[in-house]
Amino acid sequence: MDNEAFKKFINQDFLGLSNWINSLNPYEFSLIAAVIGFIVAPPLSANEQNSLGNFFELIGQVLLSIAAQNMTVSQSSQQGFNQNTDFNQELEKLKNEINKLRRDVFGNKNS
């Protein structure tokens, strides 16, 4: 692998490209992907098309796996927060019930 070519490739503005792609509506998004596929495919052999297609699918799977894990971690953190909040609310309810029972019990004995 040519290190200079790899360095040039890595130093691209992928965030800008991602922002542009994400700004497209669903029809533009699909059309551009189809056009790129039709442009890239003809000069490649069937084996090269298969290899490149699998490479792009692998990139997609990695992106989807990272996104899924980010969502899982984020959701777990949120659920933990909700569970703690629910726990604290339940604890307050129990304290209030205990105080009410104490007032009832001690109030009845005193009367």
PDB file of N, CA and C in Angstrom:
ATOM      1  N   MET A   1       0.844  -1.178   0.000  1.00  0.00           N
ATOM      2  CA  MET A   1       0.000   0.000   0.000  1.00  0.00           C
ATOM      3  C   MET A   1       0.887   1.238   0.000  1.00  0.00           C
ATOM      4  N   ASP A   2       0.534   2.206  -0.821  1.00  0.00           N
ATOM      5  CA  ASP A   2       1.269   3.459  -0.921  1.00  0.00           C
ATOM      6  C   ASP A   2       0.908   4.345   0.270  1.00  0.00           C
ATOM      7  N   ASN A   3       1.868   4.588   1.158  1.00  0.00           N
ATOM      8  CA  ASN A   3       1.598   5.364   2.368  1.00  0.00           C
ATOM      9  C   ASN A   3       1.156   6.792   2.059  1.00  0.00           C
ATOM     10  N   GLU A   4       1.744   7.400   1.023  1.00  0.00           N
ATOM     11  CA  GLU A   4       1.394   8.780   0.678  1.00  0.00           C
ATOM     12  C   GLU A   4      -0.057   8.859   0.211  1.00  0.00           C
ATOM     13  N   ALA A   5      -0.477   7.909  -0.606  1.00  0.00           N
ATOM     14  CA  ALA A   5      -1.863   7.887  -1.083  1.00  0.00           C
ATOM     15  C   ALA A   5      -2.824   7.665   0.076  1.00  0.00           C
ATOM     16  N   PHE A   6      -2.443   6.796   1.009  1.00  0.00           N
ATOM     17  CA  PHE A   6      -3.290   6.527   2.177  1.00  0.00           C
ATOM     18  C   PHE A   6      -3.407   7.778   3.041  1.00  0.00           C
ATOM     19  N   LYS A   7      -2.311   8.491   3.253  1.00  0.00           N
ATOM     20  CA  LYS A   7      -2.344   9.723   4.045  1.00  0.00           C
ATOM     21  C   LYS A   7      -3.264  10.762   3.401  1.00  0.00           C
ATOM     22  N   LYS A   8      -3.208  10.878   2.055  1.00  0.00           N
ATOM     23  CA  LYS A   8      -4.087  11.812   1.350  1.00  0.00           C
ATOM     24  C   LYS A   8      -5.546  11.420   1.547  1.00  0.00           C
ATOM     25  N   PHE A   9      -5.812  10.123   1.463  1.00  0.00           N
ATOM     26  CA  PHE A   9      -7.174   9.626   1.618  1.00  0.00           C
ATOM     27  C   PHE A   9      -7.700   9.910   3.026  1.00  0.00           C
ATOM     28  N   ILE A  10      -6.892   9.636   4.027  1.00  0.00           N
ATOM     29  CA  ILE A  10      -7.302   9.819   5.423  1.00  0.00           C
ATOM     30  C   ILE A  10      -7.528  11.291   5.754  1.00  0.00           C
ATOM     31  N   ASN A  11      -6.809  12.192   5.109  1.00  0.00           N
ATOM     32  CA  ASN A  11      -6.905  13.618   5.417  1.00  0.00           C
ATOM     33  C   ASN A  11      -8.054  14.315   4.696  1.00  0.00           C
ATOM     34  N   GLN A  12      -9.011  13.556   4.189  1.00  0.00           N
ATOM     35  CA  GLN A  12     -10.178  14.144   3.527  1.00  0.00           C
ATOM     36  C   GLN A  12     -11.158  14.672   4.579  1.00  0.00           C
ATOM     37  N   ASP A  13     -12.048  15.527   4.125  1.00  0.00           N
ATOM     38  CA  ASP A  13     -13.063  16.101   5.004  1.00  0.00           C
ATOM     39  C   ASP A  13     -14.298  15.195   5.004  1.00  0.00           C
ATOM     40  N   PHE A  14     -14.208  14.062   5.726  1.00  0.00           N
ATOM     41  CA  PHE A  14     -15.318  13.112   5.764  1.00  0.00           C
ATOM     42  C   PHE A  14     -16.514  13.677   6.513  1.00  0.00           C
ATOM     43  N   LEU A  15     -16.284  14.541   7.487  1.00  0.00           N
ATOM     44  CA  LEU A  15     -17.398  15.148   8.220  1.00  0.00           C
ATOM     45  C   LEU A  15     -18.210  16.050   7.289  1.00  0.00           C
ATOM     46  N   GLY A  16     -17.521  16.820   6.458  1.00  0.00           N
ATOM     47  CA  GLY A  16     -18.219  17.676   5.491  1.00  0.00           C
ATOM     48  C   GLY A  16     -19.031  16.843   4.505  1.00  0.00           C
ATOM     49  N   LEU A  17     -18.428  15.740   4.037  1.00  0.00           N
ATOM     50  CA  LEU A  17     -19.146  14.842   3.126  1.00  0.00           C
ATOM     51  C   LEU A  17     -20.357  14.244   3.831  1.00  0.00           C
ATOM     52  N   SER A  18     -20.176  13.811   5.063  1.00  0.00           N
ATOM     53  CA  SER A  18     -21.279  13.233   5.828  1.00  0.00           C
ATOM     54  C   SER A  18     -22.391  14.262   6.040  1.00  0.00           C
ATOM     55  N   ASN A  19     -22.029  15.489   6.379  1.00  0.00           N
ATOM     56  CA  ASN A  19     -23.034  16.541   6.565  1.00  0.00           C
ATOM     57  C   ASN A  19     -23.806  16.793   5.281  1.00  0.00           C
ATOM     58  N   TRP A  20     -23.100  16.798   4.143  1.00  0.00           N
ATOM     59  CA  TRP A  20     -23.762  17.009   2.857  1.00  0.00           C
ATOM     60  C   TRP A  20     -24.714  15.854   2.551  1.00  0.00           C
ATOM     61  N   ILE A  21     -24.246  14.618   2.730  1.00  0.00           N
ATOM     62  CA  ILE A  21     -25.085  13.445   2.461  1.00  0.00           C
ATOM     63  C   ILE A  21     -26.312  13.455   3.357  1.00  0.00           C
ATOM     64  N   ASN A  22     -26.132  13.798   4.622  1.00  0.00           N
ATOM     65  CA  ASN A  22     -27.255  13.808   5.556  1.00  0.00           C
ATOM     66  C   ASN A  22     -28.223  14.955   5.316  1.00  0.00           C
ATOM     67  N   SER A  23     -27.824  15.933   4.515  1.00  0.00           N
ATOM     68  CA  SER A  23     -28.728  17.043   4.207  1.00  0.00           C
ATOM     69  C   SER A  23     -29.639  16.731   3.022  1.00  0.00           C
ATOM     70  N   LEU A  24     -29.380  15.624   2.319  1.00  0.00           N
ATOM     71  CA  LEU A  24     -30.174  15.266   1.150  1.00  0.00           C
ATOM     72  C   LEU A  24     -31.519  14.680   1.563  1.00  0.00           C
ATOM     73  N   ASN A  25     -32.538  14.919   0.723  1.00  0.00           N
ATOM     74  CA  ASN A  25     -33.812  14.260   1.009  1.00  0.00           C
ATOM     75  C   ASN A  25     -33.702  12.796   0.566  1.00  0.00           C
ATOM     76  N   PRO A  26     -34.638  11.933   0.951  1.00  0.00           N
ATOM     77  CA  PRO A  26     -34.506  10.505   0.659  1.00  0.00           C
ATOM     78  C   PRO A  26     -34.369  10.174  -0.827  1.00  0.00           C
ATOM     79  N   TYR A  27     -35.024  10.943  -1.684  1.00  0.00           N
ATOM     80  CA  TYR A  27     -34.960  10.674  -3.122  1.00  0.00           C
ATOM     81  C   TYR A  27     -33.601  11.056  -3.703  1.00  0.00           C
ATOM     82  N   GLU A  28     -33.091  12.216  -3.296  1.00  0.00           N
ATOM     83  CA  GLU A  28     -31.752  12.622  -3.735  1.00  0.00           C
ATOM     84  C   GLU A  28     -30.697  11.640  -3.227  1.00  0.00           C
ATOM     85  N   PHE A  29     -30.838  11.255  -1.976  1.00  0.00           N
ATOM     86  CA  PHE A  29     -29.912  10.323  -1.345  1.00  0.00           C
ATOM     87  C   PHE A  29     -29.841   9.020  -2.147  1.00  0.00           C
ATOM     88  N   SER A  30     -31.004   8.454  -2.458  1.00  0.00           N
ATOM     89  CA  SER A  30     -31.064   7.187  -3.193  1.00  0.00           C
ATOM     90  C   SER A  30     -30.566   7.346  -4.623  1.00  0.00           C
ATOM     91  N   LEU A  31     -30.937   8.434  -5.262  1.00  0.00           N
ATOM     92  CA  LEU A  31     -30.524   8.664  -6.641  1.00  0.00           C
ATOM     93  C   LEU A  31     -29.009   8.799  -6.750  1.00  0.00           C
ATOM     94  N   ILE A  32     -28.406   9.564  -5.860  1.00  0.00           N
ATOM     95  CA  ILE A  32     -26.956   9.753  -5.896  1.00  0.00           C
ATOM     96  C   ILE A  32     -26.234   8.437  -5.651  1.00  0.00           C
ATOM     97  N   ALA A  33     -26.725   7.640  -4.711  1.00  0.00           N
ATOM     98  CA  ALA A  33     -26.108   6.334  -4.454  1.00  0.00           C
ATOM     99  C   ALA A  33     -26.202   5.436  -5.685  1.00  0.00           C
ATOM    100  N   ALA A  34     -27.366   5.434  -6.350  1.00  0.00           N
ATOM    101  CA  ALA A  34     -27.546   4.612  -7.551  1.00  0.00           C
ATOM    102  C   ALA A  34     -26.629   5.083  -8.676  1.00  0.00           C
ATOM    103  N   VAL A  35     -26.551   6.387  -8.875  1.00  0.00           N
ATOM    104  CA  VAL A  35     -25.695   6.931  -9.939  1.00  0.00           C
ATOM    105  C   VAL A  35     -24.227   6.582  -9.680  1.00  0.00           C
ATOM    106  N   ILE A  36     -23.782   6.719  -8.444  1.00  0.00           N
ATOM    107  CA  ILE A  36     -22.397   6.368  -8.105  1.00  0.00           C
ATOM    108  C   ILE A  36     -22.151   4.888  -8.388  1.00  0.00           C
ATOM    109  N   GLY A  37     -23.113   4.046  -8.010  1.00  0.00           N
ATOM    110  CA  GLY A  37     -22.976   2.617  -8.291  1.00  0.00           C
ATOM    111  C   GLY A  37     -22.851   2.337  -9.781  1.00  0.00           C
ATOM    112  N   PHE A  38     -23.686   2.993 -10.608  1.00  0.00           N
ATOM    113  CA  PHE A  38     -23.631   2.790 -12.059  1.00  0.00           C
ATOM    114  C   PHE A  38     -22.363   3.362 -12.681  1.00  0.00           C
ATOM    115  N   ILE A  39     -21.799   4.391 -12.089  1.00  0.00           N
ATOM    116  CA  ILE A  39     -20.547   4.967 -12.598  1.00  0.00           C
ATOM    117  C   ILE A  39     -19.358   4.084 -12.240  1.00  0.00           C
ATOM    118  N   VAL A  40     -19.354   3.561 -11.020  1.00  0.00           N
ATOM    119  CA  VAL A  40     -18.217   2.775 -10.536  1.00  0.00           C
ATOM    120  C   VAL A  40     -18.176   1.376 -11.148  1.00  0.00           C
ATOM    121  N   ALA A  41     -19.323   0.766 -11.385  1.00  0.00           N
ATOM    122  CA  ALA A  41     -19.380  -0.646 -11.775  1.00  0.00           C
ATOM    123  C   ALA A  41     -18.800  -0.992 -13.145  1.00  0.00           C
ATOM    124  N   PRO A  42     -19.080  -0.251 -14.219  1.00  0.00           N
ATOM    125  CA  PRO A  42     -18.687  -0.719 -15.555  1.00  0.00           C
ATOM    126  C   PRO A  42     -17.198  -1.035 -15.767  1.00  0.00           C
ATOM    127  N   PRO A  43     -16.274  -0.229 -15.262  1.00  0.00           N
ATOM    128  CA  PRO A  43     -14.878  -0.567 -15.540  1.00  0.00           C
ATOM    129  C   PRO A  43     -14.349  -1.747 -14.707  1.00  0.00           C
ATOM    130  N   LEU A  44     -15.125  -2.218 -13.728  1.00  0.00           N
ATOM    131  CA  LEU A  44     -14.671  -3.279 -12.845  1.00  0.00           C
ATOM    132  C   LEU A  44     -15.137  -4.643 -13.349  1.00  0.00           C
ATOM    133  N   SER A  45     -14.330  -5.664 -13.073  1.00  0.00           N
ATOM    134  CA  SER A  45     -14.755  -7.028 -13.383  1.00  0.00           C
ATOM    135  C   SER A  45     -15.817  -7.444 -12.363  1.00  0.00           C
ATOM    136  N   ALA A  46     -16.473  -8.554 -12.615  1.00  0.00           N
ATOM    137  CA  ALA A  46     -17.497  -9.042 -11.684  1.00  0.00           C
ATOM    138  C   ALA A  46     -16.886  -9.313 -10.312  1.00  0.00           C
ATOM    139  N   ASN A  47     -15.688  -9.876 -10.276  1.00  0.00           N
ATOM    140  CA  ASN A  47     -15.024 -10.127  -8.993  1.00  0.00           C
ATOM    141  C   ASN A  47     -14.693  -8.826  -8.273  1.00  0.00           C
ATOM    142  N   GLU A  48     -14.234  -7.825  -9.026  1.00  0.00           N
ATOM    143  CA  GLU A  48     -13.916  -6.533  -8.416  1.00  0.00           C
ATOM    144  C   GLU A  48     -15.183  -5.843  -7.904  1.00  0.00           C
ATOM    145  N   GLN A  49     -16.277  -5.931  -8.685  1.00  0.00           N
ATOM    146  CA  GLN A  49     -17.548  -5.372  -8.247  1.00  0.00           C
ATOM    147  C   GLN A  49     -18.007  -6.047  -6.950  1.00  0.00           C
ATOM    148  N   ASN A  50     -17.888  -7.355  -6.913  1.00  0.00           N
ATOM    149  CA  ASN A  50     -18.281  -8.115  -5.736  1.00  0.00           C
ATOM    150  C   ASN A  50     -17.429  -7.711  -4.531  1.00  0.00           C
ATOM    151  N   SER A  51     -16.129  -7.614  -4.750  1.00  0.00           N
ATOM    152  CA  SER A  51     -15.223  -7.261  -3.664  1.00  0.00           C
ATOM    153  C   SER A  51     -15.504  -5.850  -3.148  1.00  0.00           C
ATOM    154  N   LEU A  52     -15.641  -4.890  -4.061  1.00  0.00           N
ATOM    155  CA  LEU A  52     -15.897  -3.508  -3.661  1.00  0.00           C
ATOM    156  C   LEU A  52     -17.266  -3.376  -2.994  1.00  0.00           C
ATOM    157  N   GLY A  53     -18.267  -4.075  -3.545  1.00  0.00           N
ATOM    158  CA  GLY A  53     -19.603  -4.051  -2.941  1.00  0.00           C
ATOM    159  C   GLY A  53     -19.580  -4.587  -1.523  1.00  0.00           C
ATOM    160  N   ASN A  54     -18.862  -5.697  -1.323  1.00  0.00           N
ATOM    161  CA  ASN A  54     -18.748  -6.249   0.024  1.00  0.00           C
ATOM    162  C   ASN A  54     -17.992  -5.307   0.955  1.00  0.00           C
ATOM    163  N   PHE A  55     -16.993  -4.629   0.420  1.00  0.00           N
ATOM    164  CA  PHE A  55     -16.237  -3.657   1.213  1.00  0.00           C
ATOM    165  C   PHE A  55     -17.164  -2.536   1.697  1.00  0.00           C
ATOM    166  N   PHE A  56     -17.993  -1.999   0.779  1.00  0.00           N
ATOM    167  CA  PHE A  56     -18.924  -0.932   1.162  1.00  0.00           C
ATOM    168  C   PHE A  56     -19.972  -1.440   2.148  1.00  0.00           C
ATOM    169  N   GLU A  57     -20.421  -2.669   1.971  1.00  0.00           N
ATOM    170  CA  GLU A  57     -21.368  -3.237   2.936  1.00  0.00           C
ATOM    171  C   GLU A  57     -20.730  -3.378   4.310  1.00  0.00           C
ATOM    172  N   LEU A  58     -19.461  -3.765   4.338  1.00  0.00           N
ATOM    173  CA  LEU A  58     -18.762  -3.890   5.616  1.00  0.00           C
ATOM    174  C   LEU A  58     -18.646  -2.530   6.297  1.00  0.00           C
ATOM    175  N   ILE A  59     -18.348  -1.505   5.529  1.00  0.00           N
ATOM    176  CA  ILE A  59     -18.303  -0.152   6.094  1.00  0.00           C
ATOM    177  C   ILE A  59     -19.663   0.192   6.703  1.00  0.00           C
ATOM    178  N   GLY A  60     -20.730  -0.109   5.963  1.00  0.00           N
ATOM    179  CA  GLY A  60     -22.079   0.150   6.458  1.00  0.00           C
ATOM    180  C   GLY A  60     -22.379  -0.616   7.733  1.00  0.00           C
ATOM    181  N   GLN A  61     -21.969  -1.879   7.799  1.00  0.00           N
ATOM    182  CA  GLN A  61     -22.213  -2.688   8.988  1.00  0.00           C
ATOM    183  C   GLN A  61     -21.455  -2.143  10.202  1.00  0.00           C
ATOM    184  N   VAL A  62     -20.240  -1.698   9.963  1.00  0.00           N
ATOM    185  CA  VAL A  62     -19.457  -1.120  11.064  1.00  0.00           C
ATOM    186  C   VAL A  62     -20.136   0.161  11.569  1.00  0.00           C
ATOM    187  N   LEU A  63     -20.573   1.020  10.644  1.00  0.00           N
ATOM    188  CA  LEU A  63     -21.262   2.253  11.044  1.00  0.00           C
ATOM    189  C   LEU A  63     -22.544   1.939  11.808  1.00  0.00           C
ATOM    190  N   LEU A  64     -23.316   0.960  11.320  1.00  0.00           N
ATOM    191  CA  LEU A  64     -24.555   0.586  11.998  1.00  0.00           C
ATOM    192  C   LEU A  64     -24.285  -0.010  13.377  1.00  0.00           C
ATOM    193  N   SER A  65     -23.226  -0.802  13.493  1.00  0.00           N
ATOM    194  CA  SER A  65     -22.885  -1.396  14.790  1.00  0.00           C
ATOM    195  C   SER A  65     -22.472  -0.332  15.790  1.00  0.00           C
ATOM    196  N   ILE A  66     -21.679   0.628  15.348  1.00  0.00           N
ATOM    197  CA  ILE A  66     -21.262   1.723  16.231  1.00  0.00           C
ATOM    198  C   ILE A  66     -22.473   2.538  16.668  1.00  0.00           C
ATOM    199  N   ALA A  67     -23.373   2.854  15.720  1.00  0.00           N
ATOM    200  CA  ALA A  67     -24.569   3.631  16.046  1.00  0.00           C
ATOM    201  C   ALA A  67     -25.466   2.870  17.025  1.00  0.00           C
ATOM    202  N   ALA A  68     -25.634   1.572  16.795  1.00  0.00           N
ATOM    203  CA  ALA A  68     -26.470   0.767  17.687  1.00  0.00           C
ATOM    204  C   ALA A  68     -25.894   0.736  19.094  1.00  0.00           C
ATOM    205  N   GLN A  69     -24.591   0.572  19.196  1.00  0.00           N
ATOM    206  CA  GLN A  69     -23.969   0.529  20.518  1.00  0.00           C
ATOM    207  C   GLN A  69     -24.070   1.891  21.211  1.00  0.00           C
ATOM    208  N   ASN A  70     -23.887   2.973  20.434  1.00  0.00           N
ATOM    209  CA  ASN A  70     -24.053   4.315  21.008  1.00  0.00           C
ATOM    210  C   ASN A  70     -25.467   4.496  21.554  1.00  0.00           C
ATOM    211  N   MET A  71     -26.466   4.030  20.804  1.00  0.00           N
ATOM    212  CA  MET A  71     -27.850   4.155  21.250  1.00  0.00           C
ATOM    213  C   MET A  71     -28.093   3.302  22.494  1.00  0.00           C
ATOM    214  N   THR A  72     -27.528   2.102  22.514  1.00  0.00           N
ATOM    215  CA  THR A  72     -27.694   1.220  23.664  1.00  0.00           C
ATOM    216  C   THR A  72     -27.094   1.834  24.916  1.00  0.00           C
ATOM    217  N   VAL A  73     -25.871   2.346  24.790  1.00  0.00           N
ATOM    218  CA  VAL A  73     -25.203   2.965  25.940  1.00  0.00           C
ATOM    219  C   VAL A  73     -25.971   4.199  26.393  1.00  0.00           C
ATOM    220  N   SER A  74     -26.400   5.009  25.446  1.00  0.00           N
ATOM    221  CA  SER A  74     -27.149   6.216  25.774  1.00  0.00           C
ATOM    222  C   SER A  74     -28.465   5.870  26.456  1.00  0.00           C
ATOM    223  N   GLN A  75     -29.158   4.860  25.925  1.00  0.00           N
ATOM    224  CA  GLN A  75     -30.436   4.457  26.492  1.00  0.00           C
ATOM    225  C   GLN A  75     -30.246   3.858  27.883  1.00  0.00           C
ATOM    226  N   SER A  76     -29.181   3.087  28.060  1.00  0.00           N
ATOM    227  CA  SER A  76     -28.909   2.500  29.372  1.00  0.00           C
ATOM    228  C   SER A  76     -28.635   3.594  30.399  1.00  0.00           C
ATOM    229  N   SER A  77     -27.892   4.603  29.986  1.00  0.00           N
ATOM    230  CA  SER A  77     -27.614   5.720  30.896  1.00  0.00           C
ATOM    231  C   SER A  77     -28.909   6.435  31.256  1.00  0.00           C
ATOM    232  N   GLN A  78     -29.757   6.639  30.266  1.00  0.00           N
ATOM    233  CA  GLN A  78     -31.033   7.319  30.496  1.00  0.00           C
ATOM    234  C   GLN A  78     -31.927   6.476  31.389  1.00  0.00           C
ATOM    235  N   GLN A  79     -31.966   5.145  31.137  1.00  0.00           N
ATOM    236  CA  GLN A  79     -32.778   4.269  31.967  1.00  0.00           C
ATOM    237  C   GLN A  79     -32.257   4.255  33.395  1.00  0.00           C
ATOM    238  N   GLY A  80     -30.940   4.250  33.555  1.00  0.00           N
ATOM    239  CA  GLY A  80     -30.358   4.309  34.892  1.00  0.00           C
ATOM    240  C   GLY A  80     -30.786   5.557  35.615  1.00  0.00           C
ATOM    241  N   PHE A  81     -30.792   6.667  34.894  1.00  0.00           N
ATOM    242  CA  PHE A  81     -31.235   7.931  35.476  1.00  0.00           C
ATOM    243  C   PHE A  81     -32.707   7.840  35.859  1.00  0.00           C
ATOM    244  N   ASN A  82     -33.526   7.295  34.946  1.00  0.00           N
ATOM    245  CA  ASN A  82     -34.955   7.160  35.239  1.00  0.00           C
ATOM    246  C   ASN A  82     -35.186   6.216  36.407  1.00  0.00           C
ATOM    247  N   GLN A  83     -34.431   5.121  36.455  1.00  0.00           N
ATOM    248  CA  GLN A  83     -34.588   4.175  37.550  1.00  0.00           C
ATOM    249  C   GLN A  83     -34.211   4.822  38.875  1.00  0.00           C
ATOM    250  N   ASN A  84     -33.142   5.607  38.872  1.00  0.00           N
ATOM    251  CA  ASN A  84     -32.752   6.310  40.099  1.00  0.00           C
ATOM    252  C   ASN A  84     -33.817   7.322  40.496  1.00  0.00           C
ATOM    253  N   THR A  85     -34.351   8.024  39.505  1.00  0.00           N
ATOM    254  CA  THR A  85     -35.400   8.998  39.775  1.00  0.00           C
ATOM    255  C   THR A  85     -36.633   8.291  40.319  1.00  0.00           C
ATOM    256  N   ASP A  86     -37.026   7.187  39.673  1.00  0.00           N
ATOM    257  CA  ASP A  86     -38.170   6.414  40.143  1.00  0.00           C
ATOM    258  C   ASP A  86     -37.921   5.902  41.562  1.00  0.00           C
ATOM    259  N   PHE A  87     -36.721   5.411  41.802  1.00  0.00           N
ATOM    260  CA  PHE A  87     -36.371   4.910  43.127  1.00  0.00           C
ATOM    261  C   PHE A  87     -36.504   6.018  44.162  1.00  0.00           C
ATOM    262  N   ASN A  88     -35.974   7.190  43.865  1.00  0.00           N
ATOM    263  CA  ASN A  88     -36.049   8.322  44.797  1.00  0.00           C
ATOM    264  C   ASN A  88     -37.493   8.742  45.039  1.00  0.00           C
ATOM    265  N   GLN A  89     -38.305   8.719  43.969  1.00  0.00           N
ATOM    266  CA  GLN A  89     -39.717   9.079  44.128  1.00  0.00           C
ATOM    267  C   GLN A  89     -40.437   8.055  45.013  1.00  0.00           C
ATOM    268  N   GLU A  90     -40.165   6.786  44.777  1.00  0.00           N
ATOM    269  CA  GLU A  90     -40.780   5.736  45.589  1.00  0.00           C
ATOM    270  C   GLU A  90     -40.332   5.838  47.052  1.00  0.00           C
ATOM    271  N   LEU A  91     -39.058   6.146  47.251  1.00  0.00           N
ATOM    272  CA  LEU A  91     -38.540   6.316  48.602  1.00  0.00           C
ATOM    273  C   LEU A  91     -39.258   7.464  49.313  1.00  0.00           C
ATOM    274  N   GLU A  92     -39.486   8.562  48.617  1.00  0.00           N
ATOM    275  CA  GLU A  92     -40.211   9.702  49.194  1.00  0.00           C
ATOM    276  C   GLU A  92     -41.645   9.317  49.547  1.00  0.00           C
ATOM    277  N   LYS A  93     -42.279   8.535  48.653  1.00  0.00           N
ATOM    278  CA  LYS A  93     -43.643   8.086  48.937  1.00  0.00           C
ATOM    279  C   LYS A  93     -43.678   7.224  50.201  1.00  0.00           C
ATOM    280  N   LEU A  94     -42.694   6.313  50.317  1.00  0.00           N
ATOM    281  CA  LEU A  94     -42.631   5.461  51.504  1.00  0.00           C
ATOM    282  C   LEU A  94     -42.419   6.283  52.768  1.00  0.00           C
ATOM    283  N   LYS A  95     -41.537   7.261  52.704  1.00  0.00           N
ATOM    284  CA  LYS A  95     -41.302   8.130  53.863  1.00  0.00           C
ATOM    285  C   LYS A  95     -42.583   8.855  54.245  1.00  0.00           C
ATOM    286  N   ASN A  96     -43.298   9.355  53.266  1.00  0.00           N
ATOM    287  CA  ASN A  96     -44.557  10.053  53.537  1.00  0.00           C
ATOM    288  C   ASN A  96     -45.580   9.108  54.164  1.00  0.00           C
ATOM    289  N   GLU A  97     -45.664   7.883  53.669  1.00  0.00           N
ATOM    290  CA  GLU A  97     -46.598   6.894  54.234  1.00  0.00           C
ATOM    291  C   GLU A  97     -46.232   6.557  55.686  1.00  0.00           C
ATOM    292  N   ILE A  98     -44.926   6.378  55.922  1.00  0.00           N
ATOM    293  CA  ILE A  98     -44.473   6.089  57.292  1.00  0.00           C
ATOM    294  C   ILE A  98     -44.833   7.246  58.215  1.00  0.00           C
ATOM    295  N   ASN A  99     -44.575   8.465  57.790  1.00  0.00           N
ATOM    296  CA  ASN A  99     -44.921   9.638  58.603  1.00  0.00           C
ATOM    297  C   ASN A  99     -46.425   9.713  58.838  1.00  0.00           C
ATOM    298  N   LYS A 100     -47.214   9.404  57.830  1.00  0.00           N
ATOM    299  CA  LYS A 100     -48.669   9.416  57.975  1.00  0.00           C
ATOM    300  C   LYS A 100     -49.110   8.347  58.979  1.00  0.00           C
ATOM    301  N   LEU A 101     -48.522   7.147  58.866  1.00  0.00           N
ATOM    302  CA  LEU A 101     -48.850   6.079  59.813  1.00  0.00           C
ATOM    303  C   LEU A 101     -48.459   6.462  61.240  1.00  0.00           C
ATOM    304  N   ARG A 102     -47.317   7.079  61.398  1.00  0.00           N
ATOM    305  CA  ARG A 102     -46.878   7.525  62.734  1.00  0.00           C
ATOM    306  C   ARG A 102     -47.882   8.521  63.307  1.00  0.00           C
ATOM    307  N   ARG A 103     -48.311   9.487  62.492  1.00  0.00           N
ATOM    308  CA  ARG A 103     -49.286  10.479  62.958  1.00  0.00           C
ATOM    309  C   ARG A 103     -50.588   9.790  63.353  1.00  0.00           C
ATOM    310  N   ASP A 104     -51.026   8.828  62.520  1.00  0.00           N
ATOM    311  CA  ASP A 104     -52.268   8.115  62.812  1.00  0.00           C
ATOM    312  C   ASP A 104     -52.152   7.313  64.103  1.00  0.00           C
ATOM    313  N   VAL A 105     -51.034   6.574  64.238  1.00  0.00           N
ATOM    314  CA  VAL A 105     -50.858   5.719  65.415  1.00  0.00           C
ATOM    315  C   VAL A 105     -50.703   6.571  66.662  1.00  0.00           C
ATOM    316  N   PHE A 106     -49.827   7.537  66.638  1.00  0.00           N
ATOM    317  CA  PHE A 106     -49.590   8.364  67.811  1.00  0.00           C
ATOM    318  C   PHE A 106     -50.768   9.297  68.059  1.00  0.00           C
ATOM    319  N   GLY A 107     -51.430   9.717  67.008  1.00  0.00           N
ATOM    320  CA  GLY A 107     -52.605  10.571  67.168  1.00  0.00           C
ATOM    321  C   GLY A 107     -53.723   9.823  67.838  1.00  0.00           C
ATOM    322  N   ASN A 108     -53.915   8.531  67.496  1.00  0.00           N
ATOM    323  CA  ASN A 108     -54.977   7.731  68.081  1.00  0.00           C
ATOM    324  C   ASN A 108     -54.692   7.420  69.541  1.00  0.00           C
ATOM    325  N   LYS A 109     -53.417   7.178  69.869  1.00  0.00           N
ATOM    326  CA  LYS A 109     -53.058   6.863  71.257  1.00  0.00           C
ATOM    327  C   LYS A 109     -53.227   8.087  72.155  1.00  0.00           C
ATOM    328  N   ASN A 110     -52.934   9.253  71.608  1.00  0.00           N
ATOM    329  CA  ASN A 110     -53.012  10.462  72.406  1.00  0.00           C
ATOM    330  C   ASN A 110     -54.460  10.895  72.625  1.00  0.00           C
ATOM    331  N   SER A 111     -55.392  10.446  71.780  1.00  0.00           N
ATOM    332  CA  SER A 111     -56.763  10.930  71.940  1.00  0.00           C
ATOM    333  C   SER A 111     -57.601  10.062  72.812  1.00  0.00           C
TER     334      SER A 111
END
